[in-house]
Protein backbone atom coordinates (compact mmCIF):
# COMPACT_ATOMS: atom_id res chain seq x y z
CA MET A 1 -11.14 11.49 -5.88
CA HIS A 2 -8.77 9.47 -3.85
CA ARG A 3 -10.22 7.72 -0.49
CA VAL A 4 -7.98 6.17 1.93
CA VAL A 5 -9.17 3.71 4.58
CA LEU A 6 -7.25 1.96 7.40
CA GLY A 7 -8.28 -1.07 9.42
CA LYS A 8 -7.28 -3.89 11.59
CA ILE A 9 -7.19 -7.23 9.95
CA SER A 10 -8.11 -9.18 13.25
CA ASP A 11 -11.34 -6.99 13.16
CA LEU A 12 -12.19 -7.07 9.53
CA GLN A 13 -11.86 -10.81 8.82
CA GLN A 14 -14.29 -11.91 11.53
CA PRO A 15 -17.59 -13.47 10.62
CA PRO A 16 -20.19 -12.76 9.63
CA LEU A 17 -18.81 -12.61 6.20
CA PRO A 18 -20.71 -13.68 3.09
CA PRO A 19 -20.20 -17.36 2.31
CA ALA A 20 -18.78 -16.45 -1.24
CA LEU A 21 -15.89 -14.53 0.34
CA TRP A 22 -14.98 -17.57 2.42
CA GLN A 23 -15.07 -19.72 -0.56
CA LEU A 24 -12.83 -17.52 -2.69
CA ALA A 25 -10.33 -16.64 0.02
CA PRO A 26 -6.70 -18.30 -0.37
CA PRO A 27 -5.91 -20.89 2.34
CA GLY A 28 -2.97 -20.28 4.70
CA PRO A 29 -1.44 -17.32 6.09
CA PRO A 30 -2.72 -14.69 3.36
CA ARG A 31 -6.17 -15.69 4.11
CA ALA A 32 -6.97 -13.07 6.95
CA ALA A 33 -5.51 -10.19 4.96
CA TRP A 34 -7.24 -11.04 1.67
CA LEU A 35 -10.51 -11.26 3.62
CA ALA A 36 -9.94 -8.01 5.44
CA GLY A 37 -9.14 -6.28 2.02
CA ARG A 38 -12.35 -7.55 0.46
CA VAL A 39 -14.31 -6.38 3.49
CA LEU A 40 -12.78 -2.93 3.31
CA LEU A 41 -13.46 -2.77 -0.49
CA SER A 42 -16.96 -3.72 -0.05
CA ARG A 43 -17.55 -1.34 2.74
CA MET A 44 -16.05 1.60 0.55
CA LEU A 45 -18.26 0.91 -2.41
CA SER A 46 -21.30 0.21 -0.45
CA PRO A 47 -24.26 0.26 -1.01
CA LEU A 48 -23.03 -0.93 -4.57
CA PRO A 49 -21.99 -4.47 -4.82
CA LEU A 50 -18.37 -5.45 -5.21
CA PRO A 51 -17.47 -5.64 -8.66
CA GLU A 52 -15.72 -8.56 -10.03
CA ILE A 53 -11.96 -8.49 -9.46
CA VAL A 54 -9.40 -9.47 -12.09
CA TYR A 55 -5.62 -9.86 -11.88
CA GLY A 56 -3.02 -8.38 -13.95
CA ASP A 57 0.16 -9.85 -15.43
CA ASN A 58 2.11 -9.57 -12.11
CA GLY A 59 -0.99 -10.55 -9.96
CA LYS A 60 -2.08 -6.94 -9.35
CA PRO A 61 -5.76 -7.17 -8.47
CA ALA A 62 -8.07 -4.48 -10.31
CA PHE A 63 -11.84 -4.27 -11.31
CA GLN A 64 -12.84 -5.24 -14.70
CA ALA A 65 -12.23 -2.51 -17.45
CA ASP A 66 -16.05 -1.38 -17.57
CA VAL A 67 -15.61 -0.22 -13.70
CA PRO A 68 -14.10 3.35 -13.71
CA LEU A 69 -12.41 2.80 -10.30
CA TRP A 70 -8.80 1.77 -9.33
CA PHE A 71 -7.72 0.39 -5.97
CA ASN A 72 -4.71 -1.04 -4.08
CA ILE A 73 -4.32 -2.72 -0.70
CA SER A 74 -1.47 -3.08 1.63
CA HIS A 75 -0.98 -4.60 5.12
CA SER A 76 1.70 -4.79 7.74
CA GLY A 77 1.18 -6.84 10.77
CA ASP A 78 -2.31 -6.30 11.78
CA ASP A 79 -2.79 -3.01 9.97
CA ILE A 80 -4.34 -2.83 6.55
CA ALA A 81 -4.62 0.20 4.32
CA LEU A 82 -6.73 0.58 0.99
CA ILE A 83 -6.81 3.27 -1.57
CA VAL A 84 -9.69 3.71 -4.10
CA SER A 85 -9.51 6.27 -7.02
CA ASP A 86 -11.61 7.23 -9.84
CA GLU A 87 -8.73 9.22 -11.48
CA GLY A 88 -6.46 6.26 -12.55
CA GLU A 89 -4.09 3.66 -11.27
CA VAL A 90 -3.02 3.92 -7.67
CA GLY A 91 -0.62 2.10 -5.23
CA CYS A 92 -0.18 2.18 -1.55
CA ASP A 93 2.15 0.57 1.20
CA ILE A 94 1.87 0.53 4.78
CA GLU A 95 4.51 -0.44 7.25
CA VAL A 96 5.00 -0.78 10.88
CA ILE A 97 7.85 1.15 11.82
CA ARG A 98 10.21 -1.53 13.45
CA PRO A 99 13.57 -2.84 13.65
CA ARG A 100 14.68 -5.03 10.58
CA LYS A 101 17.45 -7.31 10.56
CA ASN A 102 20.17 -5.96 8.07
CA TRP A 103 18.21 -3.03 6.89
CA THR A 104 21.50 -1.22 5.97
CA GLY A 105 22.29 -4.15 3.57
CA ILE A 106 18.94 -3.73 1.94
CA VAL A 107 19.69 -0.03 1.46
CA ASP A 108 23.02 -0.97 -0.22
CA ALA A 109 21.34 -3.45 -2.42
CA VAL A 110 18.11 -1.81 -3.66
CA PHE A 111 18.28 1.85 -2.79
CA SER A 112 19.35 4.65 -5.34
CA SER A 113 22.38 6.93 -4.52
CA GLY A 114 19.79 9.84 -3.77
CA GLU A 115 17.86 7.53 -1.40
CA ARG A 116 21.18 6.44 0.39
CA GLN A 117 21.96 10.15 0.63
CA LEU A 118 18.65 10.84 2.40
CA ILE A 119 19.28 8.21 4.93
CA ALA A 120 22.91 9.27 5.53
CA ALA A 121 21.68 12.83 6.20
CA GLU A 122 19.65 11.86 8.99
CA PRO A 123 20.84 11.57 12.49
CA PRO A 124 21.54 7.78 13.48
CA SER A 125 18.54 7.77 15.75
CA ALA A 126 16.23 8.69 12.59
CA GLN A 127 17.82 6.36 9.97
CA LEU A 128 15.60 3.36 10.61
CA THR A 129 12.48 5.63 10.16
CA ALA A 130 14.06 7.12 7.16
CA PHE A 131 14.63 3.60 5.70
CA TRP A 132 10.83 2.85 6.22
CA ARG A 133 9.73 6.11 4.73
CA ILE A 134 11.84 5.33 1.54
CA TRP A 135 10.69 1.62 1.33
CA THR A 136 6.99 2.59 1.53
CA ARG A 137 7.50 5.18 -1.26
CA LYS A 138 9.33 2.60 -3.47
CA GLU A 139 6.55 -0.14 -2.77
CA ALA A 140 3.68 2.34 -3.47
CA ILE A 141 5.32 3.29 -6.91
CA LEU A 142 5.91 -0.31 -7.69
CA LYS A 143 2.19 -1.14 -6.86
CA GLN A 144 0.80 1.62 -8.72
CA SER A 145 2.48 0.33 -11.91
CA GLY A 146 1.75 -3.23 -11.31
CA GLY A 147 5.38 -4.21 -10.55
CA THR A 148 6.63 -6.94 -8.22
CA VAL A 149 8.98 -6.63 -5.25
CA TRP A 150 11.83 -7.90 -7.51
CA GLN A 151 11.88 -4.84 -9.38
CA ILE A 152 12.27 -2.60 -6.28
CA ALA A 153 15.91 -1.76 -7.13
CA GLN A 154 14.77 -0.21 -10.34
CA ILE A 155 12.76 2.51 -8.55
CA ASP A 156 14.33 5.64 -7.54
CA SER A 157 11.84 7.38 -5.50
CA THR A 158 13.98 10.73 -5.50
CA ALA A 159 13.88 11.02 -9.36
CA PRO A 160 11.32 13.22 -11.26
CA ALA A 161 8.43 11.06 -12.33
CA HIS A 162 5.20 11.19 -13.96
CA TYR A 163 3.27 10.07 -10.96
CA PHE A 164 2.70 11.64 -7.42
CA VAL A 165 3.81 10.24 -4.11
CA SER A 166 2.53 11.29 -0.80
CA GLN A 167 3.04 9.77 2.53
CA ILE A 168 2.33 10.20 6.32
CA ILE A 169 3.46 8.92 9.65
CA ILE A 170 0.57 7.82 11.77
CA ALA A 171 0.98 7.66 15.59
CA ASN A 172 4.62 7.40 15.32
CA THR A 173 4.28 3.77 14.60
CA LEU A 174 2.95 3.44 11.00
CA ILE A 175 4.11 4.82 7.70
CA LEU A 176 1.58 4.89 4.82
CA ALA A 177 2.53 5.91 1.15
CA ILE A 178 0.12 6.35 -1.76
CA CYS A 179 1.30 6.64 -5.32
CA THR A 180 -1.57 8.25 -7.70
CA SER A 181 -1.49 9.27 -11.29
CA ALA A 182 -3.10 12.64 -10.34
CA PRO A 183 -1.78 14.99 -7.64
CA HIS A 184 -2.84 14.24 -4.13
CA VAL A 185 -1.39 15.37 -0.71
CA LEU A 186 -2.28 12.76 2.01
CA SER A 187 -3.22 14.15 5.21
CA VAL A 188 -4.70 12.56 8.50
CA ASN A 189 -8.09 14.11 7.61
CA ASP A 190 -8.16 12.11 4.47
CA ILE A 191 -7.90 8.68 6.15
CA ILE A 192 -11.13 6.93 7.05
CA ARG A 193 -10.88 4.49 9.93
C-alpha cells in the first residue's frame, strides 16, 4: 500500500496542536513545515498514535525499526506532500512550477546527458516544466535512498534502476514525484487532500 496526501502548510500548522509537537518543533523557518508534516502523519495513522521518529545518517526521518511503515515528506511554498508505505522505503518531492533563475545552469551542472536530451526535445515554452519534472524525479529518488541534495548530480532519472518513479502534474501548478521500492503508478485518484 502506498498512500499519498497533500495539504497546505498554512492550514496544518495552526493550533490546536498537541503541546508536545510544539516543544519538539525546530525554531525558525522550518518550524511550520515540520509541524504540518507531523500533523499529516498523525492524521494518516489515526486512530493509532504517531510512533517515535528516528533519523538516519543523512537526517532522513523514519519510524523505529519495529514499525513496518515507511514515509517521506516534501514541501514547496505552502504545499506539502506525504507518502506512507508498508512495502518499503519511499521518497517524494513536490515542487511549485515556477521560474527559477539560472535553471539552465543547474541542468548543465547536475543533469545527466539523458536528462538534458529530454529537456532539449521539448519546445522552448515547455522546457521549464520539463526541468521541474526531472528535478522532482531526481529528488524523490535521492530521498527514497536517504541521500542528500549534494548527491543529486549522481542521480540519472533516465537510467534503468531497481526502484520505481511515478509523477503527476496537479492543476498545472505543482509537480509531485514519488519513488517506491514496489511498482506504483500515481494518479489523481490516489491523492488524499
